[in-house]
Amino acid sequence: MKRSVANKWIKALRSGKYKQTTSVLRNLDGFCCLGVLCDISERGKWKRAKGGKVFVFNDWYDKTMPNEVIEWAGMNNGFGLLPDTSLTDLNDHEGKSFDEIADVIEKNWNVL
C-alpha cells in the first residue's frame, strides 16, 4: 500500500477518535480497522442500512473494503491480507486493539 496512506491510517487508528467493532465495516458501536480506512479515504459516504444498526459505505454491504478505497490506498485486496493472517482476522477474530493493528500496519505496510 502507499506509505502516505499507511501513515494516515496508523494515525487515525491511534487517535482515539474511533471506537472498535467487529464483523462489519461500521455499525452503531464503531468501526473495524478497515472501516477506519474507508472513513479517512473520503472516497464515499456512510449511510445506515435497512434496520439501522449497520452502516454501508457507498452502498457497499460487504465486510471487505470497496474497490475505490482499495485503489486509493494502493492495497492488494479488501481484507488486508498479510503473509500469515489478515487485518480482518486481527480485528474480528484475534481481538487485537487498534493500537496493536496500527503496529502491524506500520511493520507491514509494504505488503498490504
C-alpha atoms as a PDB file:
ATOM      1  CA  MET A   1       0.000   0.000   0.000  1.00  0.00           C
ATOM      2  CA  LYS A   2       1.037   3.605  -0.326  1.00  0.00           C
ATOM      3  CA  ARG A   3       3.228   4.704   2.591  1.00  0.00           C
ATOM      4  CA  SER A   4       1.447   8.061   2.908  1.00  0.00           C
ATOM      5  CA  VAL A   5      -1.923   6.315   3.234  1.00  0.00           C
ATOM      6  CA  ALA A   6      -0.496   3.828   5.736  1.00  0.00           C
ATOM      7  CA  ASN A   7       0.774   6.727   7.864  1.00  0.00           C
ATOM      8  CA  LYS A   8      -2.622   8.440   7.768  1.00  0.00           C
ATOM      9  CA  TRP A   9      -4.374   5.164   8.686  1.00  0.00           C
ATOM     10  CA  ILE A  10      -1.982   4.446  11.560  1.00  0.00           C
ATOM     11  CA  LYS A  11      -2.539   7.946  12.922  1.00  0.00           C
ATOM     12  CA  ALA A  12      -6.332   7.525  12.718  1.00  0.00           C
ATOM     13  CA  LEU A  13      -6.238   4.129  14.449  1.00  0.00           C
ATOM     14  CA  ARG A  14      -4.162   5.558  17.303  1.00  0.00           C
ATOM     15  CA  SER A  15      -6.116   8.819  17.564  1.00  0.00           C
ATOM     16  CA  GLY A  16      -8.775   7.580  19.969  1.00  0.00           C
ATOM     17  CA  LYS A  17     -11.422   9.071  17.664  1.00  0.00           C
ATOM     18  CA  TYR A  18     -12.698   5.655  16.546  1.00  0.00           C
ATOM     19  CA  LYS A  19     -14.382   3.032  18.708  1.00  0.00           C
ATOM     20  CA  GLN A  20     -13.694  -0.520  17.597  1.00  0.00           C
ATOM     21  CA  THR A  21     -16.263  -3.069  16.476  1.00  0.00           C
ATOM     22  CA  THR A  22     -16.131  -6.398  14.620  1.00  0.00           C
ATOM     23  CA  SER A  23     -17.718  -8.213  11.672  1.00  0.00           C
ATOM     24  CA  VAL A  24     -18.782  -5.088   9.750  1.00  0.00           C
ATOM     25  CA  LEU A  25     -17.016  -2.026   8.399  1.00  0.00           C
ATOM     26  CA  ARG A  26     -19.143   0.192  10.648  1.00  0.00           C
ATOM     27  CA  ASN A  27     -22.110  -0.125  12.958  1.00  0.00           C
ATOM     28  CA  LEU A  28     -23.646   1.856  15.818  1.00  0.00           C
ATOM     29  CA  ASP A  29     -20.877   0.602  18.130  1.00  0.00           C
ATOM     30  CA  GLY A  30     -17.947   1.731  15.981  1.00  0.00           C
ATOM     31  CA  PHE A  31     -15.658   0.781  13.114  1.00  0.00           C
ATOM     32  CA  CYS A  32     -13.475  -2.183  12.233  1.00  0.00           C
ATOM     33  CA  CYS A  33      -9.922  -1.279  11.199  1.00  0.00           C
ATOM     34  CA  LEU A  34     -10.902  -1.449   7.504  1.00  0.00           C
ATOM     35  CA  GLY A  35     -13.875   0.812   8.179  1.00  0.00           C
ATOM     36  CA  VAL A  36     -11.486   3.402   9.598  1.00  0.00           C
ATOM     37  CA  LEU A  37      -9.558   3.329   6.315  1.00  0.00           C
ATOM     38  CA  CYS A  38     -12.809   3.803   4.391  1.00  0.00           C
ATOM     39  CA  ASP A  39     -13.685   6.735   6.630  1.00  0.00           C
ATOM     40  CA  ILE A  40     -10.388   8.562   6.172  1.00  0.00           C
ATOM     41  CA  SER A  41     -10.331   7.892   2.419  1.00  0.00           C
ATOM     42  CA  GLU A  42     -13.045  10.463   1.729  1.00  0.00           C
ATOM     43  CA  ARG A  43     -13.993   8.291  -1.257  1.00  0.00           C
ATOM     44  CA  GLY A  44     -17.629   7.987  -0.274  1.00  0.00           C
ATOM     45  CA  LYS A  45     -20.300   8.454   2.332  1.00  0.00           C
ATOM     46  CA  TRP A  46     -21.714   6.329   5.118  1.00  0.00           C
ATOM     47  CA  LYS A  47     -25.426   5.743   5.428  1.00  0.00           C
ATOM     48  CA  ARG A  48     -27.498   3.479   7.622  1.00  0.00           C
ATOM     49  CA  ALA A  49     -28.599   0.235   6.051  1.00  0.00           C
ATOM     50  CA  LYS A  50     -32.093  -1.133   6.476  1.00  0.00           C
ATOM     51  CA  GLY A  51     -32.697  -1.938  10.110  1.00  0.00           C
ATOM     52  CA  GLY A  52     -30.490   0.962  11.171  1.00  0.00           C
ATOM     53  CA  LYS A  53     -27.746  -0.900  13.085  1.00  0.00           C
ATOM     54  CA  VAL A  54     -25.161  -1.205  10.304  1.00  0.00           C
ATOM     55  CA  PHE A  55     -23.767   1.498   8.060  1.00  0.00           C
ATOM     56  CA  VAL A  56     -22.836   0.975   4.426  1.00  0.00           C
ATOM     57  CA  PHE A  57     -20.152   2.842   2.503  1.00  0.00           C
ATOM     58  CA  ASN A  58     -21.307   3.894  -0.967  1.00  0.00           C
ATOM     59  CA  ASP A  59     -23.962   1.147  -0.837  1.00  0.00           C
ATOM     60  CA  TRP A  60     -21.212  -1.424  -0.172  1.00  0.00           C
ATOM     61  CA  TYR A  61     -22.641  -4.177   2.075  1.00  0.00           C
ATOM     62  CA  ASP A  62     -19.585  -6.424   2.346  1.00  0.00           C
ATOM     63  CA  LYS A  63     -17.138  -6.776   5.272  1.00  0.00           C
ATOM     64  CA  THR A  64     -14.290  -6.023   2.885  1.00  0.00           C
ATOM     65  CA  MET A  65     -13.428  -2.599   1.532  1.00  0.00           C
ATOM     66  CA  PRO A  66     -14.928  -1.293  -1.702  1.00  0.00           C
ATOM     67  CA  ASN A  67     -12.730  -1.052  -4.790  1.00  0.00           C
ATOM     68  CA  GLU A  68     -12.472   2.750  -4.724  1.00  0.00           C
ATOM     69  CA  VAL A  69     -10.835   2.598  -1.269  1.00  0.00           C
ATOM     70  CA  ILE A  70      -8.540  -0.306  -2.229  1.00  0.00           C
ATOM     71  CA  GLU A  71      -7.352   1.614  -5.305  1.00  0.00           C
ATOM     72  CA  TRP A  72      -6.913   4.900  -3.401  1.00  0.00           C
ATOM     73  CA  ALA A  73      -4.858   3.153  -0.710  1.00  0.00           C
ATOM     74  CA  GLY A  74      -2.837   1.136  -3.225  1.00  0.00           C
ATOM     75  CA  MET A  75      -3.712  -2.116  -1.467  1.00  0.00           C
ATOM     76  CA  ASN A  76      -3.692  -5.597  -2.975  1.00  0.00           C
ATOM     77  CA  ASN A  77      -7.119  -6.628  -1.658  1.00  0.00           C
ATOM     78  CA  GLY A  78     -10.023  -5.686   0.582  1.00  0.00           C
ATOM     79  CA  PHE A  79      -9.126  -7.880   3.576  1.00  0.00           C
ATOM     80  CA  GLY A  80      -5.694  -6.525   4.444  1.00  0.00           C
ATOM     81  CA  LEU A  81      -4.013  -9.846   3.680  1.00  0.00           C
ATOM     82  CA  LEU A  82      -0.635 -10.468   5.286  1.00  0.00           C
ATOM     83  CA  PRO A  83       1.651 -13.489   4.811  1.00  0.00           C
ATOM     84  CA  ASP A  84       0.183 -15.402   7.776  1.00  0.00           C
ATOM     85  CA  THR A  85      -3.074 -13.589   8.656  1.00  0.00           C
ATOM     86  CA  SER A  86      -5.165 -10.590   7.668  1.00  0.00           C
ATOM     87  CA  LEU A  87      -6.153  -7.323   9.267  1.00  0.00           C
ATOM     88  CA  THR A  88      -9.734  -8.610   9.197  1.00  0.00           C
ATOM     89  CA  ASP A  89      -8.738 -11.631  11.298  1.00  0.00           C
ATOM     90  CA  LEU A  90      -6.718  -9.495  13.711  1.00  0.00           C
ATOM     91  CA  ASN A  91      -9.682  -7.170  14.212  1.00  0.00           C
ATOM     92  CA  ASP A  92     -12.566  -9.653  14.163  1.00  0.00           C
ATOM     93  CA  HIS A  93     -11.190 -12.945  15.479  1.00  0.00           C
ATOM     94  CA  GLU A  94      -7.966 -12.317  17.368  1.00  0.00           C
ATOM     95  CA  GLY A  95      -9.214  -9.382  19.431  1.00  0.00           C
ATOM     96  CA  LYS A  96      -6.322  -7.064  18.587  1.00  0.00           C
ATOM     97  CA  SER A  97      -6.812  -3.423  19.554  1.00  0.00           C
ATOM     98  CA  PHE A  98      -6.494  -0.580  17.078  1.00  0.00           C
ATOM     99  CA  ASP A  99      -3.089   0.240  18.606  1.00  0.00           C
ATOM    100  CA  GLU A 100      -1.914  -3.337  18.007  1.00  0.00           C
ATOM    101  CA  ILE A 101      -3.286  -3.307  14.456  1.00  0.00           C
ATOM    102  CA  ALA A 102      -1.546   0.029  13.834  1.00  0.00           C
ATOM    103  CA  ASP A 103       1.741  -1.628  14.898  1.00  0.00           C
ATOM    104  CA  VAL A 104       1.126  -4.427  12.375  1.00  0.00           C
ATOM    105  CA  ILE A 105       0.377  -1.943   9.588  1.00  0.00           C
ATOM    106  CA  GLU A 106       3.489   0.056  10.487  1.00  0.00           C
ATOM    107  CA  LYS A 107       5.660  -3.063  10.105  1.00  0.00           C
ATOM    108  CA  ASN A 108       3.906  -4.494   7.038  1.00  0.00           C
ATOM    109  CA  TRP A 109       2.543  -1.573   5.016  1.00  0.00           C
ATOM    110  CA  ASN A 110       4.650  -2.542   2.007  1.00  0.00           C
ATOM    111  CA  VAL A 111       2.956  -5.966   1.628  1.00  0.00           C
ATOM    112  CA  LEU A 112      -0.637  -4.837   2.122  1.00  0.00           C
END
